[in-house]
N, C-alpha and C. Protein backbone atom coordinates (compact mmCIF):
# COMPACT_ATOMS: atom_id res chain seq x y z
N MET A 1 0.84 -1.23 0.02
CA MET A 1 -0.01 0.04 -0.03
C MET A 1 0.86 1.25 0.03
N ASN A 2 0.59 2.19 -0.87
CA ASN A 2 1.43 3.37 -0.95
C ASN A 2 0.78 4.43 -0.12
N ILE A 3 1.43 5.58 0.10
CA ILE A 3 1.09 6.54 1.04
C ILE A 3 -0.23 7.19 0.77
N GLN A 4 -0.59 7.27 -0.55
CA GLN A 4 -1.91 7.82 -0.88
C GLN A 4 -2.90 6.92 -0.48
N ASP A 5 -2.87 5.63 -0.61
CA ASP A 5 -3.79 4.68 -0.16
C ASP A 5 -3.99 4.77 1.27
N ILE A 6 -2.97 4.93 2.02
CA ILE A 6 -3.00 5.05 3.51
C ILE A 6 -3.78 6.24 3.85
N LEU A 7 -3.46 7.45 3.27
CA LEU A 7 -4.09 8.59 3.54
C LEU A 7 -5.58 8.68 3.26
N SER A 8 -6.05 7.94 2.25
CA SER A 8 -7.36 7.93 1.75
C SER A 8 -8.20 7.02 2.54
N ALA A 9 -7.64 6.00 3.25
CA ALA A 9 -8.25 5.05 3.92
C ALA A 9 -8.84 5.59 5.17
N SER A 10 -9.95 4.96 5.78
CA SER A 10 -10.54 5.37 6.98
C SER A 10 -9.87 4.54 8.10
N MET A 11 -9.13 5.08 9.04
CA MET A 11 -8.43 4.45 10.05
C MET A 11 -8.16 5.26 11.21
N SER A 12 -7.85 4.67 12.35
CA SER A 12 -7.56 5.49 13.56
C SER A 12 -6.12 5.97 13.38
N ARG A 13 -5.90 6.98 14.29
CA ARG A 13 -4.45 7.46 14.26
C ARG A 13 -3.48 6.37 14.60
N ARG A 14 -3.72 5.54 15.55
CA ARG A 14 -2.81 4.47 15.81
C ARG A 14 -2.57 3.46 14.57
N GLU A 15 -3.63 3.06 13.99
CA GLU A 15 -3.47 2.38 12.72
C GLU A 15 -2.63 3.06 11.58
N PHE A 16 -3.01 4.44 11.44
CA PHE A 16 -2.17 5.13 10.49
C PHE A 16 -0.78 5.13 10.68
N LEU A 17 -0.33 5.37 11.99
CA LEU A 17 1.09 5.36 12.36
C LEU A 17 1.65 4.06 12.13
N ALA A 18 1.02 3.06 12.39
CA ALA A 18 1.49 1.67 12.27
C ALA A 18 1.76 1.32 10.89
N ARG A 19 0.89 1.92 9.90
CA ARG A 19 1.09 1.50 8.65
C ARG A 19 1.76 2.57 7.73
N ALA A 20 1.95 3.68 8.27
CA ALA A 20 2.58 4.83 7.53
C ALA A 20 4.01 4.45 7.05
N LEU A 21 4.33 4.92 5.92
CA LEU A 21 5.75 4.69 5.34
C LEU A 21 6.63 5.56 5.87
N LYS A 22 7.97 5.14 5.94
CA LYS A 22 9.00 6.01 6.27
C LYS A 22 9.24 7.00 5.03
N PHE A 23 9.61 8.17 5.35
CA PHE A 23 9.94 9.06 4.25
C PHE A 23 10.85 10.31 4.58
N SER A 24 11.37 10.87 3.60
CA SER A 24 12.20 12.04 3.67
C SER A 24 12.55 12.50 2.25
N VAL A 25 12.82 13.85 2.06
CA VAL A 25 13.03 14.21 0.64
C VAL A 25 14.17 15.10 0.46
N ALA A 26 14.82 15.19 -0.71
CA ALA A 26 16.11 15.83 -0.78
C ALA A 26 16.22 16.79 -1.91
N ALA A 27 17.41 17.25 -2.13
CA ALA A 27 17.63 18.35 -3.07
C ALA A 27 18.99 18.32 -3.74
N VAL A 28 19.16 19.24 -4.64
CA VAL A 28 20.32 19.44 -5.31
C VAL A 28 21.26 20.45 -4.58
N VAL A 29 22.56 20.18 -4.50
CA VAL A 29 23.41 21.21 -3.97
C VAL A 29 23.75 22.26 -5.08
N PRO A 30 23.52 23.48 -4.88
CA PRO A 30 23.88 24.45 -5.97
C PRO A 30 25.21 24.31 -6.45
N VAL A 31 25.40 24.42 -7.79
CA VAL A 31 26.76 24.24 -8.35
C VAL A 31 27.81 25.35 -7.87
N ASP A 32 27.36 26.49 -7.34
CA ASP A 32 28.28 27.50 -6.93
C ASP A 32 28.58 27.35 -5.40
N ASP A 33 28.25 26.23 -4.77
CA ASP A 33 28.45 26.01 -3.40
C ASP A 33 28.93 24.58 -3.10
N PRO A 34 30.14 24.36 -3.48
CA PRO A 34 30.70 22.86 -3.32
C PRO A 34 30.96 22.40 -1.95
N TYR A 35 30.84 23.37 -0.92
CA TYR A 35 31.17 23.03 0.43
C TYR A 35 29.96 22.92 1.30
N SER A 36 28.77 22.47 0.70
CA SER A 36 27.56 22.46 1.52
C SER A 36 27.32 21.19 2.08
N VAL A 37 28.12 20.14 1.90
CA VAL A 37 27.65 18.87 2.41
C VAL A 37 28.99 18.28 3.26
N GLU A 38 28.72 17.37 4.07
CA GLU A 38 29.79 16.75 4.82
C GLU A 38 29.71 15.23 4.40
N PRO A 39 30.85 14.50 4.55
CA PRO A 39 30.83 13.16 4.19
C PRO A 39 29.84 12.32 4.91
N ASP A 40 29.31 11.27 4.25
CA ASP A 40 28.42 10.38 4.93
C ASP A 40 29.13 9.33 5.85
N ASP A 41 28.69 9.07 6.93
CA ASP A 41 29.27 8.01 7.74
C ASP A 41 28.54 6.77 7.66
N GLU A 42 29.13 5.64 7.60
CA GLU A 42 28.51 4.37 7.57
C GLU A 42 28.02 3.93 8.88
N GLN A 43 26.77 4.19 9.14
CA GLN A 43 26.12 3.83 10.44
C GLN A 43 24.79 3.30 10.13
N ILE A 44 24.04 2.96 11.17
CA ILE A 44 22.78 2.45 10.96
C ILE A 44 21.62 3.45 10.50
N ILE A 45 20.72 3.02 9.66
CA ILE A 45 19.64 3.84 9.29
C ILE A 45 18.48 3.79 10.32
N GLY A 46 17.88 4.79 10.65
CA GLY A 46 16.89 4.92 11.56
C GLY A 46 15.53 4.53 10.90
N GLU A 47 14.49 4.40 11.72
CA GLU A 47 13.14 4.08 11.32
C GLU A 47 12.04 5.05 11.84
N GLU A 48 12.48 6.26 12.00
CA GLU A 48 11.41 7.23 12.50
C GLU A 48 10.45 7.55 11.42
N THR A 49 9.21 7.84 11.72
CA THR A 49 8.23 8.18 10.72
C THR A 49 7.49 9.46 11.16
N LEU A 50 6.93 10.17 10.21
CA LEU A 50 6.30 11.43 10.46
C LEU A 50 4.80 11.28 10.28
N ASP A 51 3.96 11.75 11.26
CA ASP A 51 2.57 11.69 11.12
C ASP A 51 2.16 12.94 10.13
N PHE A 52 1.84 12.51 8.97
CA PHE A 52 1.71 13.41 7.81
C PHE A 52 0.32 13.29 7.13
N ASP A 53 -0.71 13.36 8.03
CA ASP A 53 -2.01 13.04 7.43
C ASP A 53 -2.63 14.01 6.49
N SER A 54 -2.01 15.28 6.47
CA SER A 54 -2.56 16.24 5.59
C SER A 54 -1.92 16.46 4.26
N ILE A 55 -0.78 15.55 3.98
CA ILE A 55 -0.07 15.82 2.79
C ILE A 55 0.14 14.51 2.05
N ILE A 56 -0.06 14.49 0.72
CA ILE A 56 0.25 13.34 -0.06
C ILE A 56 1.72 13.31 -0.44
N LEU A 57 2.38 12.21 -0.12
CA LEU A 57 3.74 12.10 -0.27
C LEU A 57 4.05 11.02 -1.16
N ARG A 58 5.01 11.17 -2.11
CA ARG A 58 5.43 10.09 -3.01
C ARG A 58 6.67 9.28 -2.36
N GLU A 59 6.51 8.12 -2.18
CA GLU A 59 7.48 7.31 -1.55
C GLU A 59 8.36 6.67 -2.58
N ILE A 60 9.70 6.83 -2.39
CA ILE A 60 10.70 6.40 -3.32
C ILE A 60 11.69 5.48 -2.59
N ASN A 61 11.94 4.31 -3.16
CA ASN A 61 12.99 3.36 -2.49
C ASN A 61 14.33 3.58 -3.22
N PHE A 62 15.19 4.37 -2.53
CA PHE A 62 16.47 4.64 -3.18
C PHE A 62 17.52 3.52 -2.91
N ASP A 63 18.39 3.41 -3.73
CA ASP A 63 19.58 2.45 -3.51
C ASP A 63 20.78 3.40 -3.08
N TRP A 64 21.03 3.13 -1.77
CA TRP A 64 22.15 4.00 -1.06
C TRP A 64 23.50 3.36 -1.29
N ALA A 65 24.46 4.11 -1.53
CA ALA A 65 25.80 3.69 -1.87
C ALA A 65 26.50 3.21 -0.56
N LYS A 66 26.09 3.69 0.57
CA LYS A 66 26.45 3.31 1.94
C LYS A 66 25.43 3.63 2.87
N ARG A 67 25.46 3.01 4.03
CA ARG A 67 24.43 3.14 5.06
C ARG A 67 24.53 4.56 5.71
N LEU A 68 23.44 5.11 6.17
CA LEU A 68 23.39 6.40 6.62
C LEU A 68 23.36 6.44 8.18
N ARG A 69 23.77 7.67 8.66
CA ARG A 69 23.93 7.83 10.13
C ARG A 69 22.67 8.52 10.75
N ARG A 70 22.21 7.91 11.80
CA ARG A 70 21.10 8.52 12.51
C ARG A 70 21.41 9.79 13.23
N ARG A 71 20.53 10.83 13.24
CA ARG A 71 20.64 12.07 13.94
C ARG A 71 20.34 11.75 15.43
N SER A 72 21.17 12.36 16.35
CA SER A 72 20.87 12.19 17.76
C SER A 72 19.95 13.23 18.23
N ARG A 73 19.78 14.34 17.51
CA ARG A 73 18.93 15.48 17.92
C ARG A 73 18.39 16.15 16.66
N THR A 74 17.24 16.84 16.68
CA THR A 74 16.66 17.63 15.62
C THR A 74 16.11 18.77 16.18
N ASP A 75 16.61 19.99 15.82
CA ASP A 75 16.08 21.23 16.42
C ASP A 75 15.85 22.37 15.34
N ALA A 76 16.01 22.07 14.08
CA ALA A 76 15.92 23.04 13.09
C ALA A 76 15.60 22.42 11.61
N VAL A 77 15.05 23.30 10.81
CA VAL A 77 14.77 22.94 9.42
C VAL A 77 15.51 24.01 8.55
N VAL A 78 16.20 23.36 7.41
CA VAL A 78 16.87 24.25 6.50
C VAL A 78 16.24 24.15 5.13
N ILE A 79 15.95 25.22 4.51
CA ILE A 79 15.25 25.18 3.21
C ILE A 79 16.21 25.61 2.12
N HIS A 80 16.07 24.94 0.98
CA HIS A 80 17.10 25.02 -0.19
C HIS A 80 16.20 25.15 -1.52
N HIS A 81 16.94 25.62 -2.47
CA HIS A 81 16.39 25.41 -3.89
C HIS A 81 17.36 24.54 -4.63
N VAL A 82 17.00 24.17 -5.80
CA VAL A 82 17.86 23.39 -6.66
C VAL A 82 19.06 24.21 -7.12
N GLY A 83 18.59 25.42 -7.72
CA GLY A 83 19.73 26.33 -7.93
C GLY A 83 20.36 26.32 -9.37
N ASN A 84 20.64 25.10 -9.76
CA ASN A 84 21.43 24.98 -11.09
C ASN A 84 20.52 24.74 -12.24
N THR A 85 19.12 24.67 -11.97
CA THR A 85 18.23 24.43 -13.02
C THR A 85 16.84 24.97 -12.51
N ASP A 86 15.92 25.42 -13.45
CA ASP A 86 14.61 25.75 -13.02
C ASP A 86 13.68 24.76 -13.47
N LYS A 87 14.09 23.62 -14.08
CA LYS A 87 13.29 22.57 -14.50
C LYS A 87 12.66 21.79 -13.38
N ASN A 88 11.45 21.19 -13.55
CA ASN A 88 10.73 20.47 -12.51
C ASN A 88 11.27 19.14 -12.28
N ILE A 89 12.51 19.11 -11.83
CA ILE A 89 13.22 17.81 -11.66
C ILE A 89 12.63 17.05 -10.56
N ASN A 90 12.90 15.74 -10.37
CA ASN A 90 12.46 14.93 -9.33
C ASN A 90 13.52 14.44 -8.41
N ALA A 91 13.19 13.81 -7.22
CA ALA A 91 14.05 13.38 -6.29
C ALA A 91 15.02 12.29 -6.78
N ALA A 92 14.51 11.52 -7.80
CA ALA A 92 15.29 10.39 -8.32
C ALA A 92 16.44 10.98 -9.19
N ALA A 93 16.26 12.10 -9.84
CA ALA A 93 17.22 12.73 -10.58
C ALA A 93 18.38 13.23 -9.68
N ILE A 94 17.99 13.92 -8.60
CA ILE A 94 18.90 14.48 -7.68
C ILE A 94 19.64 13.31 -7.07
N HIS A 95 19.04 12.24 -6.77
CA HIS A 95 19.66 11.17 -6.18
C HIS A 95 20.78 10.53 -7.11
N ARG A 96 20.52 10.57 -8.37
CA ARG A 96 21.62 10.16 -9.29
C ARG A 96 22.77 11.04 -9.37
N TRP A 97 22.50 12.42 -9.45
CA TRP A 97 23.46 13.36 -9.40
C TRP A 97 24.35 13.34 -8.16
N HIS A 98 23.69 13.11 -6.99
CA HIS A 98 24.53 13.00 -5.82
C HIS A 98 25.34 11.74 -5.62
N ARG A 99 24.78 10.67 -6.24
CA ARG A 99 25.59 9.37 -6.26
C ARG A 99 26.99 9.65 -7.07
N LYS A 100 26.70 10.34 -8.24
CA LYS A 100 27.87 10.64 -9.03
C LYS A 100 28.97 11.54 -8.37
N ASN A 101 28.46 12.22 -7.36
CA ASN A 101 29.48 13.07 -6.50
C ASN A 101 30.17 12.20 -5.53
N GLY A 102 29.81 10.97 -5.39
CA GLY A 102 30.46 10.01 -4.43
C GLY A 102 29.80 10.04 -3.15
N TRP A 103 28.60 10.52 -3.04
CA TRP A 103 27.93 10.55 -1.82
C TRP A 103 27.02 9.32 -1.66
N ALA A 104 26.44 9.09 -0.53
CA ALA A 104 25.59 7.89 -0.27
C ALA A 104 24.38 7.96 -1.21
N GLY A 105 23.98 9.19 -1.54
CA GLY A 105 22.85 9.49 -2.49
C GLY A 105 22.23 10.79 -2.16
N ILE A 106 20.94 11.01 -2.49
CA ILE A 106 20.40 12.28 -2.30
C ILE A 106 20.51 12.80 -0.80
N GLY A 107 20.98 14.07 -0.73
CA GLY A 107 21.35 14.60 0.45
C GLY A 107 20.26 15.28 1.29
N TYR A 108 19.14 15.51 0.81
CA TYR A 108 18.01 16.13 1.44
C TYR A 108 16.85 15.20 1.80
N HIS A 109 16.09 15.68 2.79
CA HIS A 109 15.05 14.83 3.29
C HIS A 109 13.71 14.79 2.50
N TYR A 110 13.53 16.03 1.95
CA TYR A 110 12.27 16.24 1.24
C TYR A 110 12.52 17.08 -0.02
N VAL A 111 11.80 16.75 -1.07
CA VAL A 111 11.81 17.63 -2.31
C VAL A 111 10.32 18.08 -2.61
N ILE A 112 10.14 19.30 -2.80
CA ILE A 112 8.83 19.86 -3.18
C ILE A 112 8.84 20.30 -4.63
N ARG A 113 8.04 19.50 -5.41
CA ARG A 113 7.96 19.76 -6.86
C ARG A 113 7.07 21.03 -7.21
N LYS A 114 7.13 21.33 -8.53
CA LYS A 114 6.35 22.61 -8.80
C LYS A 114 4.99 22.56 -8.67
N ASP A 115 4.33 21.38 -8.68
CA ASP A 115 2.91 21.22 -8.52
C ASP A 115 2.54 21.01 -7.12
N GLY A 116 3.58 21.15 -6.11
CA GLY A 116 3.27 21.04 -4.73
C GLY A 116 3.42 19.64 -4.20
N SER A 117 3.61 18.66 -5.08
CA SER A 117 3.69 17.33 -4.54
C SER A 117 5.12 17.23 -3.78
N ILE A 118 5.17 16.27 -2.85
CA ILE A 118 6.37 16.09 -2.04
C ILE A 118 6.91 14.76 -2.19
N GLU A 119 8.20 14.60 -2.43
CA GLU A 119 8.86 13.29 -2.68
C GLU A 119 9.87 13.08 -1.46
N ARG A 120 9.99 11.85 -1.10
CA ARG A 120 10.86 11.51 -0.08
C ARG A 120 12.23 11.40 -0.63
N GLY A 121 13.28 11.86 0.17
CA GLY A 121 14.72 11.65 -0.08
C GLY A 121 15.25 10.70 1.03
N ARG A 122 16.07 11.22 1.91
CA ARG A 122 16.69 10.50 3.05
C ARG A 122 15.55 10.19 3.94
N PRO A 123 15.76 9.14 4.71
CA PRO A 123 14.88 8.66 5.82
C PRO A 123 14.80 9.92 6.75
N LEU A 124 13.73 10.18 7.35
CA LEU A 124 13.50 11.34 8.23
C LEU A 124 14.61 11.50 9.32
N ASP A 125 14.93 10.47 9.93
CA ASP A 125 15.80 10.58 11.13
C ASP A 125 17.30 10.39 10.89
N THR A 126 17.60 10.36 9.62
CA THR A 126 19.06 10.20 9.31
C THR A 126 19.73 11.56 9.05
N VAL A 127 21.08 11.55 9.11
CA VAL A 127 21.82 12.81 8.89
C VAL A 127 21.77 13.12 7.40
N GLY A 128 21.48 14.23 7.09
CA GLY A 128 21.47 14.75 5.60
C GLY A 128 22.78 15.12 5.08
N ALA A 129 22.83 15.66 3.88
CA ALA A 129 24.16 16.08 3.30
C ALA A 129 23.56 17.44 2.45
N HIS A 130 23.44 18.49 3.34
CA HIS A 130 22.84 19.67 2.65
C HIS A 130 23.26 20.92 3.19
N THR A 131 23.71 20.93 4.43
CA THR A 131 24.19 22.17 5.11
C THR A 131 25.51 22.00 5.88
N TYR A 132 26.67 22.34 5.32
CA TYR A 132 27.87 22.01 5.96
C TYR A 132 27.88 22.46 7.44
N ASP A 133 28.26 21.55 8.30
CA ASP A 133 28.40 21.73 9.68
C ASP A 133 27.14 21.83 10.55
N HIS A 134 26.02 21.61 9.70
CA HIS A 134 24.70 21.72 10.43
C HIS A 134 23.76 20.54 9.99
N ASN A 135 24.40 19.42 9.56
CA ASN A 135 23.56 18.32 9.09
C ASN A 135 23.22 17.45 10.25
N ASP A 136 23.95 17.44 11.32
CA ASP A 136 23.63 16.60 12.55
C ASP A 136 22.43 16.92 13.29
N ASN A 137 21.92 18.14 13.09
CA ASN A 137 20.73 18.48 13.88
C ASN A 137 19.50 19.11 13.03
N THR A 138 19.61 18.95 11.76
CA THR A 138 18.50 19.58 10.85
C THR A 138 17.88 18.60 10.02
N VAL A 139 16.73 19.07 9.47
CA VAL A 139 16.03 18.42 8.40
C VAL A 139 16.11 19.27 7.21
N GLY A 140 16.38 18.79 6.01
CA GLY A 140 16.67 19.55 4.78
C GLY A 140 15.56 19.36 3.88
N ILE A 141 14.97 20.49 3.41
CA ILE A 141 13.94 20.57 2.39
C ILE A 141 14.45 21.27 1.16
N CYS A 142 14.23 20.77 -0.09
CA CYS A 142 14.53 21.36 -1.35
C CYS A 142 13.35 21.76 -2.03
N VAL A 143 13.18 22.91 -2.43
CA VAL A 143 12.03 23.37 -3.28
C VAL A 143 12.60 23.48 -4.69
N VAL A 144 11.98 22.75 -5.60
CA VAL A 144 12.46 22.60 -6.91
C VAL A 144 12.37 23.83 -7.74
N GLY A 145 13.38 24.37 -8.30
CA GLY A 145 13.49 25.58 -9.10
C GLY A 145 14.78 26.37 -8.74
N ASN A 146 14.90 27.43 -9.58
CA ASN A 146 16.04 28.32 -9.33
C ASN A 146 15.47 29.54 -9.01
N PHE A 147 15.29 29.99 -7.79
CA PHE A 147 14.60 31.14 -7.19
C PHE A 147 15.50 32.34 -7.17
N GLU A 148 16.60 32.31 -7.86
CA GLU A 148 17.25 33.62 -8.26
C GLU A 148 16.52 34.19 -9.57
N LEU A 149 15.98 33.23 -10.39
CA LEU A 149 15.49 33.66 -11.66
C LEU A 149 14.01 33.50 -11.70
N SER A 150 13.31 32.78 -10.90
CA SER A 150 11.79 32.65 -10.99
C SER A 150 11.35 32.60 -9.60
N ARG A 151 9.97 32.60 -9.44
CA ARG A 151 9.39 32.62 -8.16
C ARG A 151 8.79 31.12 -7.97
N PRO A 152 8.67 30.65 -6.71
CA PRO A 152 8.05 29.40 -6.41
C PRO A 152 6.63 29.46 -6.78
N THR A 153 6.01 28.38 -7.06
CA THR A 153 4.55 28.28 -7.44
C THR A 153 3.70 28.46 -6.00
N SER A 154 2.42 28.85 -6.18
CA SER A 154 1.67 28.85 -5.09
C SER A 154 1.52 27.50 -4.37
N GLU A 155 1.56 26.50 -5.24
CA GLU A 155 1.41 25.15 -4.65
C GLU A 155 2.64 24.83 -3.80
N GLN A 156 3.83 25.19 -4.21
CA GLN A 156 5.00 24.97 -3.50
C GLN A 156 4.98 25.73 -2.23
N PHE A 157 4.50 26.93 -2.12
CA PHE A 157 4.32 27.67 -0.96
C PHE A 157 3.56 26.93 0.09
N ARG A 158 2.34 26.45 -0.37
CA ARG A 158 1.33 25.70 0.51
C ARG A 158 1.93 24.50 0.96
N ALA A 159 2.63 23.72 0.09
CA ALA A 159 3.26 22.48 0.50
C ALA A 159 4.33 22.70 1.56
N ALA A 160 5.14 23.72 1.34
CA ALA A 160 6.21 24.22 2.25
C ALA A 160 5.75 24.50 3.62
N GLU A 161 4.67 25.23 3.65
CA GLU A 161 3.96 25.52 4.93
C GLU A 161 3.49 24.29 5.70
N LYS A 162 2.94 23.45 4.96
CA LYS A 162 2.41 22.19 5.56
C LYS A 162 3.61 21.30 6.07
N LEU A 163 4.52 21.13 5.24
CA LEU A 163 5.70 20.32 5.50
C LEU A 163 6.49 20.93 6.72
N VAL A 164 6.74 22.08 6.75
CA VAL A 164 7.51 22.72 7.92
C VAL A 164 6.76 22.61 9.11
N GLY A 165 5.52 22.75 9.05
CA GLY A 165 4.59 22.60 10.24
C GLY A 165 4.62 21.20 10.73
N ALA A 166 4.44 20.17 9.85
CA ALA A 166 4.54 18.74 10.31
C ALA A 166 5.84 18.46 10.86
N ILE A 167 6.90 18.86 10.29
CA ILE A 167 8.27 18.49 10.94
C ILE A 167 8.38 19.15 12.28
N CYS A 168 8.03 20.45 12.40
CA CYS A 168 8.13 21.07 13.73
C CYS A 168 7.31 20.47 14.76
N LYS A 169 6.07 20.04 14.39
CA LYS A 169 5.16 19.31 15.33
C LYS A 169 5.73 18.12 15.74
N HIS A 170 6.36 17.30 14.85
CA HIS A 170 6.91 15.96 15.06
C HIS A 170 8.04 16.09 16.06
N TYR A 171 8.84 17.08 15.91
CA TYR A 171 10.03 17.31 16.86
C TYR A 171 9.85 18.27 17.93
N ASP A 172 8.64 18.79 18.08
CA ASP A 172 8.29 19.64 19.13
C ASP A 172 9.10 20.92 19.03
N ILE A 173 9.13 21.47 17.82
CA ILE A 173 10.01 22.69 17.46
C ILE A 173 8.87 23.82 17.20
N THR A 174 9.14 24.96 17.76
CA THR A 174 8.30 26.12 17.49
C THR A 174 8.86 26.81 16.28
N PRO A 175 8.02 26.88 15.15
CA PRO A 175 8.44 27.53 13.99
C PRO A 175 8.85 28.96 14.20
N GLY A 176 10.06 29.35 13.83
CA GLY A 176 10.46 30.83 14.03
C GLY A 176 11.81 31.03 13.29
N ALA A 177 12.27 32.21 13.41
CA ALA A 177 13.51 32.56 12.80
C ALA A 177 14.76 31.88 13.35
N SER A 178 14.57 31.32 14.62
CA SER A 178 15.70 30.58 15.21
C SER A 178 15.55 29.14 14.94
N THR A 179 14.58 28.67 14.23
CA THR A 179 14.38 27.22 13.98
C THR A 179 14.12 26.81 12.57
N VAL A 180 13.80 27.75 11.66
CA VAL A 180 13.54 27.60 10.26
C VAL A 180 14.55 28.55 9.49
N PHE A 181 15.40 27.95 8.66
CA PHE A 181 16.43 28.72 8.09
C PHE A 181 16.33 28.63 6.49
N GLY A 182 16.99 29.50 5.89
CA GLY A 182 17.40 29.37 4.51
C GLY A 182 18.85 28.95 4.56
N HIS A 183 19.32 28.15 3.49
CA HIS A 183 20.69 27.68 3.40
C HIS A 183 21.65 28.88 3.60
N LYS A 184 21.44 30.00 3.02
CA LYS A 184 22.35 31.11 3.08
C LYS A 184 22.55 31.67 4.42
N ASP A 185 21.72 31.26 5.42
CA ASP A 185 21.91 31.74 6.84
C ASP A 185 23.14 31.05 7.48
N PHE A 186 23.72 30.06 6.84
CA PHE A 186 24.77 29.30 7.36
C PHE A 186 26.06 29.36 6.48
N CYS A 187 26.00 29.76 5.29
CA CYS A 187 27.25 29.85 4.48
C CYS A 187 27.03 30.90 3.39
N LYS A 188 28.14 31.06 2.67
CA LYS A 188 28.07 32.00 1.52
C LYS A 188 27.54 31.32 0.24
N THR A 189 26.32 31.60 0.04
CA THR A 189 25.61 30.93 -1.03
C THR A 189 24.23 31.80 -1.40
N THR A 190 23.80 31.67 -2.49
CA THR A 190 22.50 32.35 -2.87
C THR A 190 21.32 31.50 -2.55
N CYS A 191 21.56 30.20 -2.25
CA CYS A 191 20.43 29.30 -1.90
C CYS A 191 19.74 29.79 -0.65
N PRO A 192 18.47 29.77 -0.56
CA PRO A 192 17.43 29.24 -1.49
C PRO A 192 16.98 30.18 -2.61
N GLY A 193 17.78 31.13 -2.96
CA GLY A 193 17.32 32.07 -3.98
C GLY A 193 16.54 33.25 -3.42
N ILE A 194 16.75 34.42 -3.98
CA ILE A 194 16.13 35.65 -3.49
C ILE A 194 14.64 35.56 -3.35
N TYR A 195 13.90 34.91 -4.34
CA TYR A 195 12.49 34.81 -4.32
C TYR A 195 11.80 33.93 -3.27
N LEU A 196 12.56 32.92 -2.92
CA LEU A 196 12.14 32.04 -1.88
C LEU A 196 12.51 32.55 -0.54
N TYR A 197 13.77 33.01 -0.40
CA TYR A 197 14.22 33.37 0.93
C TYR A 197 13.40 34.58 1.52
N LYS A 198 12.93 35.57 0.62
CA LYS A 198 12.19 36.66 1.18
C LYS A 198 10.78 36.22 1.66
N TRP A 199 10.36 35.07 1.30
CA TRP A 199 9.07 34.52 1.75
C TRP A 199 9.16 33.66 2.93
N LEU A 200 10.42 33.42 3.49
CA LEU A 200 10.47 32.50 4.58
C LEU A 200 9.66 32.89 5.78
N PRO A 201 9.64 34.21 6.05
CA PRO A 201 8.89 34.59 7.25
C PRO A 201 7.41 34.14 7.11
N ASP A 202 6.83 34.18 5.75
CA ASP A 202 5.41 33.89 5.55
C ASP A 202 5.26 32.44 5.72
N ILE A 203 6.22 31.65 5.26
CA ILE A 203 6.11 30.08 5.45
C ILE A 203 6.16 29.80 6.93
N ILE A 204 7.08 30.47 7.71
CA ILE A 204 7.09 30.24 9.13
C ILE A 204 5.80 30.46 9.75
N ARG A 205 5.29 31.68 9.37
CA ARG A 205 4.01 32.23 10.08
C ARG A 205 2.86 31.24 9.75
N ASN A 206 2.78 30.67 8.57
CA ASN A 206 1.70 29.87 8.14
C ASN A 206 1.95 28.34 8.34
N ALA A 207 3.06 28.07 8.93
CA ALA A 207 3.38 26.62 9.16
C ALA A 207 2.29 25.98 10.00
N ILE A 208 1.65 24.97 9.51
CA ILE A 208 0.59 24.31 10.16
C ILE A 208 0.70 22.84 10.23
């Protein structure tokens, strides 16, 4: 049963959590920012799941080049854009690109496509490869597009609000300027692009 079947079925919260699939979604590291990831350690992959009853998620089974490391704490969310293309690419393409870079695979936990659909990347409770020196405590979200050149779609905004809200609720994080960041808050990069970054306060305010 896929996530859409689960979400459309009539079931109790306990049944939903018992049957819900593990997920996380990822993104592309901008080509102008080669220092945005850390090496992947070969450790155990976790099995944490997110109660995500208001969002349809596409579950993808990735082939990891090596085993991923579990995060010991989670206290922030970092938002990115693809940056090197404005095409509506998917998580599978990003995974292939990151594998070619010698990484375990896709470095981000969630990818938000232009139609607002959300695809899983890394498992939710594993260490990502998206923000140098801040991967051990954050969840990484990539919004598909180059937002130095174009604006996110309204569907992407709504999906980002719901996704950030669900992650914060799951980890008991209060959405705010000290918990939800753009990539550029941590290093010299244009990511997540001027048109997405200026709307982060609205995403935070509307996170549900």
